[in-house]
């Protein structure tokens, strides 16, 4: 978690959430982890989450259209 805009915001490492191999470390805590971690902030209905990514190539403001593919949590 981090403090962001006067609130505590959870961080999710996108590689872990997708079951992919991250560019550094297995748990984000080893010596090869970078001093800073690129993070995308997603906000919806007043709640936010930080998606920790390996690299940010471009930034675009977009309103995503979300749909549920299944009913599983997460």
PDB file of N, CA and C in Angstrom:
ATOM      1  N   UNK A   1       0.846  -1.185   0.000  1.00  0.00           N
ATOM      2  CA  UNK A   1       0.000   0.000   0.000  1.00  0.00           C
ATOM      3  C   UNK A   1       0.884   1.239   0.000  1.00  0.00           C
ATOM      4  N   UNK A   2       0.319   2.344  -0.461  1.00  0.00           N
ATOM      5  CA  UNK A   2       0.978   3.646  -0.414  1.00  0.00           C
ATOM      6  C   UNK A   2      -0.062   4.693  -0.036  1.00  0.00           C
ATOM      7  N   UNK A   3       0.427   5.825   0.460  1.00  0.00           N
ATOM      8  CA  UNK A   3      -0.477   6.944   0.699  1.00  0.00           C
ATOM      9  C   UNK A   3      -0.549   7.730  -0.603  1.00  0.00           C
ATOM     10  N   UNK A   4      -1.758   7.937  -1.098  1.00  0.00           N
ATOM     11  CA  UNK A   4      -1.972   8.636  -2.358  1.00  0.00           C
ATOM     12  C   UNK A   4      -3.186   9.534  -2.212  1.00  0.00           C
ATOM     13  N   UNK A   5      -2.983  10.821  -2.400  1.00  0.00           N
ATOM     14  CA  UNK A   5      -4.063  11.804  -2.282  1.00  0.00           C
ATOM     15  C   UNK A   5      -4.832  11.666  -0.974  1.00  0.00           C
ATOM     16  N   UNK A   6      -4.084  11.639   0.120  1.00  0.00           N
ATOM     17  CA  UNK A   6      -4.642  11.576   1.472  1.00  0.00           C
ATOM     18  C   UNK A   6      -5.441  10.313   1.761  1.00  0.00           C
ATOM     19  N   UNK A   7      -5.206   9.252   1.009  1.00  0.00           N
ATOM     20  CA  UNK A   7      -5.850   7.968   1.277  1.00  0.00           C
ATOM     21  C   UNK A   7      -4.801   6.859   1.177  1.00  0.00           C
ATOM     22  N   UNK A   8      -5.098   5.726   1.766  1.00  0.00           N
ATOM     23  CA  UNK A   8      -4.252   4.546   1.626  1.00  0.00           C
ATOM     24  C   UNK A   8      -4.734   3.791   0.400  1.00  0.00           C
ATOM     25  N   UNK A   9      -3.823   3.563  -0.548  1.00  0.00           N
ATOM     26  CA  UNK A   9      -4.189   2.899  -1.798  1.00  0.00           C
ATOM     27  C   UNK A   9      -3.423   1.576  -1.912  1.00  0.00           C
ATOM     28  N   UNK A  10      -4.149   0.482  -2.156  1.00  0.00           N
ATOM     29  CA  UNK A  10      -3.466  -0.801  -2.333  1.00  0.00           C
ATOM     30  C   UNK A  10      -2.712  -0.825  -3.668  1.00  0.00           C
ATOM     31  N   UNK A  11      -1.612  -1.558  -3.695  1.00  0.00           N
ATOM     32  CA  UNK A  11      -0.841  -1.767  -4.916  1.00  0.00           C
ATOM     33  C   UNK A  11      -0.952  -3.228  -5.327  1.00  0.00           C
ATOM     34  N   UNK A  12      -1.116  -3.450  -6.614  1.00  0.00           N
ATOM     35  CA  UNK A  12      -1.177  -4.805  -7.160  1.00  0.00           C
ATOM     36  C   UNK A  12      -0.116  -4.895  -8.255  1.00  0.00           C
ATOM     37  N   UNK A  13       0.778  -5.859  -8.129  1.00  0.00           N
ATOM     38  CA  UNK A  13       1.767  -6.051  -9.184  1.00  0.00           C
ATOM     39  C   UNK A  13       1.089  -6.783 -10.330  1.00  0.00           C
ATOM     40  N   UNK A  14       0.929  -6.119 -11.461  1.00  0.00           N
ATOM     41  CA  UNK A  14       0.156  -6.636 -12.572  1.00  0.00           C
ATOM     42  C   UNK A  14       0.667  -7.989 -13.049  1.00  0.00           C
ATOM     43  N   UNK A  15       1.979  -8.183 -13.074  1.00  0.00           N
ATOM     44  CA  UNK A  15       2.543  -9.468 -13.512  1.00  0.00           C
ATOM     45  C   UNK A  15       2.046 -10.607 -12.623  1.00  0.00           C
ATOM     46  N   UNK A  16       1.986 -10.373 -11.310  1.00  0.00           N
ATOM     47  CA  UNK A  16       1.489 -11.404 -10.383  1.00  0.00           C
ATOM     48  C   UNK A  16       0.005 -11.679 -10.621  1.00  0.00           C
ATOM     49  N   UNK A  17      -0.770 -10.618 -10.815  1.00  0.00           N
ATOM     50  CA  UNK A  17      -2.210 -10.775 -11.012  1.00  0.00           C
ATOM     51  C   UNK A  17      -2.526 -11.531 -12.299  1.00  0.00           C
ATOM     52  N   UNK A  18      -1.667 -11.368 -13.310  1.00  0.00           N
ATOM     53  CA  UNK A  18      -1.890 -12.039 -14.591  1.00  0.00           C
ATOM     54  C   UNK A  18      -1.170 -13.375 -14.703  1.00  0.00           C
ATOM     55  N   UNK A  19      -0.398 -13.730 -13.665  1.00  0.00           N
ATOM     56  CA  UNK A  19       0.355 -14.980 -13.706  1.00  0.00           C
ATOM     57  C   UNK A  19       1.527 -14.916 -14.669  1.00  0.00           C
ATOM     58  N   UNK A  20       2.049 -13.725 -14.907  1.00  0.00           N
ATOM     59  CA  UNK A  20       3.174 -13.537 -15.826  1.00  0.00           C
ATOM     60  C   UNK A  20       4.473 -13.421 -15.041  1.00  0.00           C
ATOM     61  N   UNK A  21       5.582 -13.540 -15.723  1.00  0.00           N
ATOM     62  CA  UNK A  21       6.887 -13.398 -15.083  1.00  0.00           C
ATOM     63  C   UNK A  21       7.274 -11.918 -15.080  1.00  0.00           C
ATOM     64  N   UNK A  22       7.467 -11.332 -13.893  1.00  0.00           N
ATOM     65  CA  UNK A  22       7.835  -9.914 -13.838  1.00  0.00           C
ATOM     66  C   UNK A  22       9.269  -9.706 -14.304  1.00  0.00           C
ATOM     67  N   UNK A  23       9.596  -8.478 -14.642  1.00  0.00           N
ATOM     68  CA  UNK A  23      10.943  -8.147 -15.107  1.00  0.00           C
ATOM     69  C   UNK A  23      11.962  -8.187 -13.982  1.00  0.00           C
ATOM     70  N   UNK A  24      11.511  -8.072 -12.726  1.00  0.00           N
ATOM     71  CA  UNK A  24      12.445  -8.082 -11.595  1.00  0.00           C
ATOM     72  C   UNK A  24      11.830  -8.817 -10.426  1.00  0.00           C
ATOM     73  N   UNK A  25      12.667  -9.559  -9.704  1.00  0.00           N
ATOM     74  CA  UNK A  25      12.288 -10.225  -8.455  1.00  0.00           C
ATOM     75  C   UNK A  25      11.065 -11.113  -8.536  1.00  0.00           C
ATOM     76  N   UNK A  26      10.909 -11.955  -7.554  1.00  0.00           N
ATOM     77  CA  UNK A  26       9.737 -12.825  -7.512  1.00  0.00           C
ATOM     78  C   UNK A  26       8.690 -12.302  -6.557  1.00  0.00           C
ATOM     79  N   UNK A  27       9.125 -11.479  -5.585  1.00  0.00           N
ATOM     80  CA  UNK A  27       8.146 -10.944  -4.638  1.00  0.00           C
ATOM     81  C   UNK A  27       8.259  -9.434  -4.486  1.00  0.00           C
ATOM     82  N   UNK A  28       9.069  -8.798  -5.321  1.00  0.00           N
ATOM     83  CA  UNK A  28       9.215  -7.352  -5.269  1.00  0.00           C
ATOM     84  C   UNK A  28      10.100  -6.861  -4.144  1.00  0.00           C
ATOM     85  N   UNK A  29      10.662  -7.768  -3.331  1.00  0.00           N
ATOM     86  CA  UNK A  29      11.426  -7.344  -2.171  1.00  0.00           C
ATOM     87  C   UNK A  29      12.915  -7.666  -2.273  1.00  0.00           C
ATOM     88  N   UNK A  30      13.365  -8.288  -3.337  1.00  0.00           N
ATOM     89  CA  UNK A  30      14.785  -8.634  -3.399  1.00  0.00           C
ATOM     90  C   UNK A  30      15.621  -7.454  -3.879  1.00  0.00           C
ATOM     91  N   UNK A  31      16.960  -7.616  -3.847  1.00  0.00           N
ATOM     92  CA  UNK A  31      17.858  -6.507  -4.154  1.00  0.00           C
ATOM     93  C   UNK A  31      17.751  -6.018  -5.594  1.00  0.00           C
ATOM     94  N   UNK A  32      17.242  -6.824  -6.506  1.00  0.00           N
ATOM     95  CA  UNK A  32      17.173  -6.401  -7.898  1.00  0.00           C
ATOM     96  C   UNK A  32      15.964  -5.512  -8.186  1.00  0.00           C
ATOM     97  N   UNK A  33      15.111  -5.319  -7.204  1.00  0.00           N
ATOM     98  CA  UNK A  33      13.942  -4.454  -7.401  1.00  0.00           C
ATOM     99  C   UNK A  33      14.407  -3.014  -7.584  1.00  0.00           C
ATOM    100  N   UNK A  34      13.790  -2.285  -8.501  1.00  0.00           N
ATOM    101  CA  UNK A  34      14.191  -0.898  -8.731  1.00  0.00           C
ATOM    102  C   UNK A  34      13.833   0.003  -7.555  1.00  0.00           C
ATOM    103  N   UNK A  35      14.501   1.159  -7.478  1.00  0.00           N
ATOM    104  CA  UNK A  35      14.218   2.116  -6.406  1.00  0.00           C
ATOM    105  C   UNK A  35      12.836   2.731  -6.568  1.00  0.00           C
ATOM    106  N   UNK A  36      12.369   2.852  -7.795  1.00  0.00           N
ATOM    107  CA  UNK A  36      11.015   3.336  -8.060  1.00  0.00           C
ATOM    108  C   UNK A  36      10.304   2.292  -8.915  1.00  0.00           C
ATOM    109  N   UNK A  37       8.994   2.231  -8.770  1.00  0.00           N
ATOM    110  CA  UNK A  37       8.212   1.259  -9.533  1.00  0.00           C
ATOM    111  C   UNK A  37       7.133   2.003 -10.302  1.00  0.00           C
ATOM    112  N   UNK A  38       7.128   1.903 -11.635  1.00  0.00           N
ATOM    113  CA  UNK A  38       6.083   2.558 -12.413  1.00  0.00           C
ATOM    114  C   UNK A  38       4.711   2.024 -12.009  1.00  0.00           C
ATOM    115  N   UNK A  39       3.792   2.926 -11.734  1.00  0.00           N
ATOM    116  CA  UNK A  39       2.476   2.537 -11.239  1.00  0.00           C
ATOM    117  C   UNK A  39       1.380   3.293 -11.969  1.00  0.00           C
ATOM    118  N   UNK A  40       0.399   2.554 -12.434  1.00  0.00           N
ATOM    119  CA  UNK A  40      -0.784   3.132 -13.069  1.00  0.00           C
ATOM    120  C   UNK A  40      -1.874   3.190 -12.007  1.00  0.00           C
ATOM    121  N   UNK A  41      -2.500   4.338 -11.816  1.00  0.00           N
ATOM    122  CA  UNK A  41      -3.572   4.475 -10.829  1.00  0.00           C
ATOM    123  C   UNK A  41      -4.908   4.363 -11.551  1.00  0.00           C
ATOM    124  N   UNK A  42      -5.701   3.400 -11.109  1.00  0.00           N
ATOM    125  CA  UNK A  42      -7.048   3.218 -11.659  1.00  0.00           C
ATOM    126  C   UNK A  42      -8.044   3.580 -10.572  1.00  0.00           C
ATOM    127  N   UNK A  43      -8.963   4.477 -10.891  1.00  0.00           N
ATOM    128  CA  UNK A  43      -9.978   4.905  -9.931  1.00  0.00           C
ATOM    129  C   UNK A  43     -11.361   4.648 -10.509  1.00  0.00           C
ATOM    130  N   UNK A  44     -12.250   4.166  -9.643  1.00  0.00           N
ATOM    131  CA  UNK A  44     -13.628   3.934 -10.040  1.00  0.00           C
ATOM    132  C   UNK A  44     -14.505   4.116  -8.812  1.00  0.00           C
ATOM    133  N   UNK A  45     -15.512   4.954  -8.923  1.00  0.00           N
ATOM    134  CA  UNK A  45     -16.469   5.198  -7.837  1.00  0.00           C
ATOM    135  C   UNK A  45     -15.784   5.561  -6.523  1.00  0.00           C
ATOM    136  N   UNK A  46     -14.760   6.411  -6.602  1.00  0.00           N
ATOM    137  CA  UNK A  46     -14.095   6.895  -5.404  1.00  0.00           C
ATOM    138  C   UNK A  46     -13.047   5.967  -4.815  1.00  0.00           C
ATOM    139  N   UNK A  47     -12.875   4.788  -5.376  1.00  0.00           N
ATOM    140  CA  UNK A  47     -11.868   3.846  -4.879  1.00  0.00           C
ATOM    141  C   UNK A  47     -10.763   3.731  -5.914  1.00  0.00           C
ATOM    142  N   UNK A  48      -9.537   3.567  -5.438  1.00  0.00           N
ATOM    143  CA  UNK A  48      -8.413   3.478  -6.353  1.00  0.00           C
ATOM    144  C   UNK A  48      -7.528   2.293  -6.042  1.00  0.00           C
ATOM    145  N   UNK A  49      -6.795   1.868  -7.054  1.00  0.00           N
ATOM    146  CA  UNK A  49      -5.805   0.819  -6.895  1.00  0.00           C
ATOM    147  C   UNK A  49      -4.625   1.192  -7.776  1.00  0.00           C
ATOM    148  N   UNK A  50      -3.417   0.908  -7.303  1.00  0.00           N
ATOM    149  CA  UNK A  50      -2.216   1.156  -8.081  1.00  0.00           C
ATOM    150  C   UNK A  50      -1.775  -0.142  -8.745  1.00  0.00           C
ATOM    151  N   UNK A  51      -1.647  -0.130 -10.059  1.00  0.00           N
ATOM    152  CA  UNK A  51      -1.174  -1.298 -10.809  1.00  0.00           C
ATOM    153  C   UNK A  51       0.309  -1.101 -11.084  1.00  0.00           C
ATOM    154  N   UNK A  52       1.150  -1.883 -10.410  1.00  0.00           N
ATOM    155  CA  UNK A  52       2.592  -1.785 -10.582  1.00  0.00           C
ATOM    156  C   UNK A  52       2.973  -2.549 -11.849  1.00  0.00           C
ATOM    157  N   UNK A  53       3.630  -1.854 -12.773  1.00  0.00           N
ATOM    158  CA  UNK A  53       3.976  -2.423 -14.072  1.00  0.00           C
ATOM    159  C   UNK A  53       5.494  -2.383 -14.261  1.00  0.00           C
ATOM    160  N   UNK A  54       5.981  -3.105 -15.269  1.00  0.00           N
ATOM    161  CA  UNK A  54       7.414  -3.110 -15.556  1.00  0.00           C
ATOM    162  C   UNK A  54       7.861  -1.819 -16.238  1.00  0.00           C
ATOM    163  N   UNK A  55       6.990  -1.280 -17.109  1.00  0.00           N
ATOM    164  CA  UNK A  55       7.363  -0.103 -17.878  1.00  0.00           C
ATOM    165  C   UNK A  55       6.107   0.619 -18.361  1.00  0.00           C
ATOM    166  N   UNK A  56       6.155   1.944 -18.395  1.00  0.00           N
ATOM    167  CA  UNK A  56       5.073   2.734 -18.962  1.00  0.00           C
ATOM    168  C   UNK A  56       5.572   3.301 -20.285  1.00  0.00           C
ATOM    169  N   UNK A  57       4.881   2.981 -21.367  1.00  0.00           N
ATOM    170  CA  UNK A  57       5.283   3.442 -22.694  1.00  0.00           C
ATOM    171  C   UNK A  57       4.567   4.721 -23.103  1.00  0.00           C
ATOM    172  N   UNK A  58       3.305   4.878 -22.688  1.00  0.00           N
ATOM    173  CA  UNK A  58       2.514   6.042 -23.071  1.00  0.00           C
ATOM    174  C   UNK A  58       1.384   6.198 -22.066  1.00  0.00           C
ATOM    175  N   UNK A  59       0.845   7.385 -21.965  1.00  0.00           N
ATOM    176  CA  UNK A  59      -0.255   7.645 -21.050  1.00  0.00           C
ATOM    177  C   UNK A  59      -1.418   8.210 -21.854  1.00  0.00           C
ATOM    178  N   UNK A  60      -2.591   7.607 -21.696  1.00  0.00           N
ATOM    179  CA  UNK A  60      -3.793   8.025 -22.402  1.00  0.00           C
ATOM    180  C   UNK A  60      -4.938   8.016 -21.398  1.00  0.00           C
ATOM    181  N   UNK A  61      -5.693   9.103 -21.333  1.00  0.00           N
ATOM    182  CA  UNK A  61      -6.905   9.119 -20.513  1.00  0.00           C
ATOM    183  C   UNK A  61      -8.010   8.432 -21.291  1.00  0.00           C
ATOM    184  N   UNK A  62      -8.615   7.443 -20.683  1.00  0.00           N
ATOM    185  CA  UNK A  62      -9.648   6.667 -21.355  1.00  0.00           C
ATOM    186  C   UNK A  62     -10.666   6.225 -20.325  1.00  0.00           C
ATOM    187  N   UNK A  63     -11.920   6.189 -20.715  1.00  0.00           N
ATOM    188  CA  UNK A  63     -12.966   5.642 -19.855  1.00  0.00           C
ATOM    189  C   UNK A  63     -13.214   4.216 -20.347  1.00  0.00           C
ATOM    190  N   UNK A  64     -12.750   3.231 -19.574  1.00  0.00           N
ATOM    191  CA  UNK A  64     -12.905   1.848 -20.033  1.00  0.00           C
ATOM    192  C   UNK A  64     -14.346   1.369 -19.913  1.00  0.00           C
ATOM    193  N   UNK A  65     -14.734   0.511 -20.824  1.00  0.00           N
ATOM    194  CA  UNK A  65     -16.033  -0.157 -20.739  1.00  0.00           C
ATOM    195  C   UNK A  65     -15.763  -1.550 -20.192  1.00  0.00           C
ATOM    196  N   UNK A  66     -16.224  -1.789 -18.992  1.00  0.00           N
ATOM    197  CA  UNK A  66     -15.962  -3.056 -18.321  1.00  0.00           C
ATOM    198  C   UNK A  66     -17.159  -3.983 -18.436  1.00  0.00           C
ATOM    199  N   UNK A  67     -16.873  -5.249 -18.604  1.00  0.00           N
ATOM    200  CA  UNK A  67     -17.924  -6.258 -18.572  1.00  0.00           C
ATOM    201  C   UNK A  67     -17.363  -7.479 -17.866  1.00  0.00           C
ATOM    202  N   UNK A  68     -18.217  -8.213 -17.211  1.00  0.00           N
ATOM    203  CA  UNK A  68     -17.782  -9.385 -16.474  1.00  0.00           C
ATOM    204  C   UNK A  68     -17.843 -10.605 -17.381  1.00  0.00           C
ATOM    205  N   UNK A  69     -16.705 -11.282 -17.485  1.00  0.00           N
ATOM    206  CA  UNK A  69     -16.663 -12.508 -18.263  1.00  0.00           C
ATOM    207  C   UNK A  69     -17.170 -13.685 -17.429  1.00  0.00           C
ATOM    208  N   UNK A  70     -16.988 -13.585 -16.108  1.00  0.00           N
ATOM    209  CA  UNK A  70     -17.496 -14.622 -15.200  1.00  0.00           C
ATOM    210  C   UNK A  70     -17.745 -13.979 -13.841  1.00  0.00           C
ATOM    211  N   UNK A  71     -18.207 -14.772 -12.924  1.00  0.00           N
ATOM    212  CA  UNK A  71     -18.582 -14.247 -11.612  1.00  0.00           C
ATOM    213  C   UNK A  71     -17.508 -14.452 -10.548  1.00  0.00           C
ATOM    214  N   UNK A  72     -16.307 -14.886 -10.930  1.00  0.00           N
ATOM    215  CA  UNK A  72     -15.289 -15.131  -9.904  1.00  0.00           C
ATOM    216  C   UNK A  72     -14.768 -13.820  -9.326  1.00  0.00           C
ATOM    217  N   UNK A  73     -14.464 -13.805  -8.034  1.00  0.00           N
ATOM    218  CA  UNK A  73     -13.961 -12.575  -7.413  1.00  0.00           C
ATOM    219  C   UNK A  73     -12.570 -12.239  -7.923  1.00  0.00           C
ATOM    220  N   UNK A  74     -12.224 -10.949  -7.838  1.00  0.00           N
ATOM    221  CA  UNK A  74     -10.887 -10.522  -8.250  1.00  0.00           C
ATOM    222  C   UNK A  74     -10.927  -9.844  -9.528  1.00  0.00           C
TER     223      UNK A  74
END
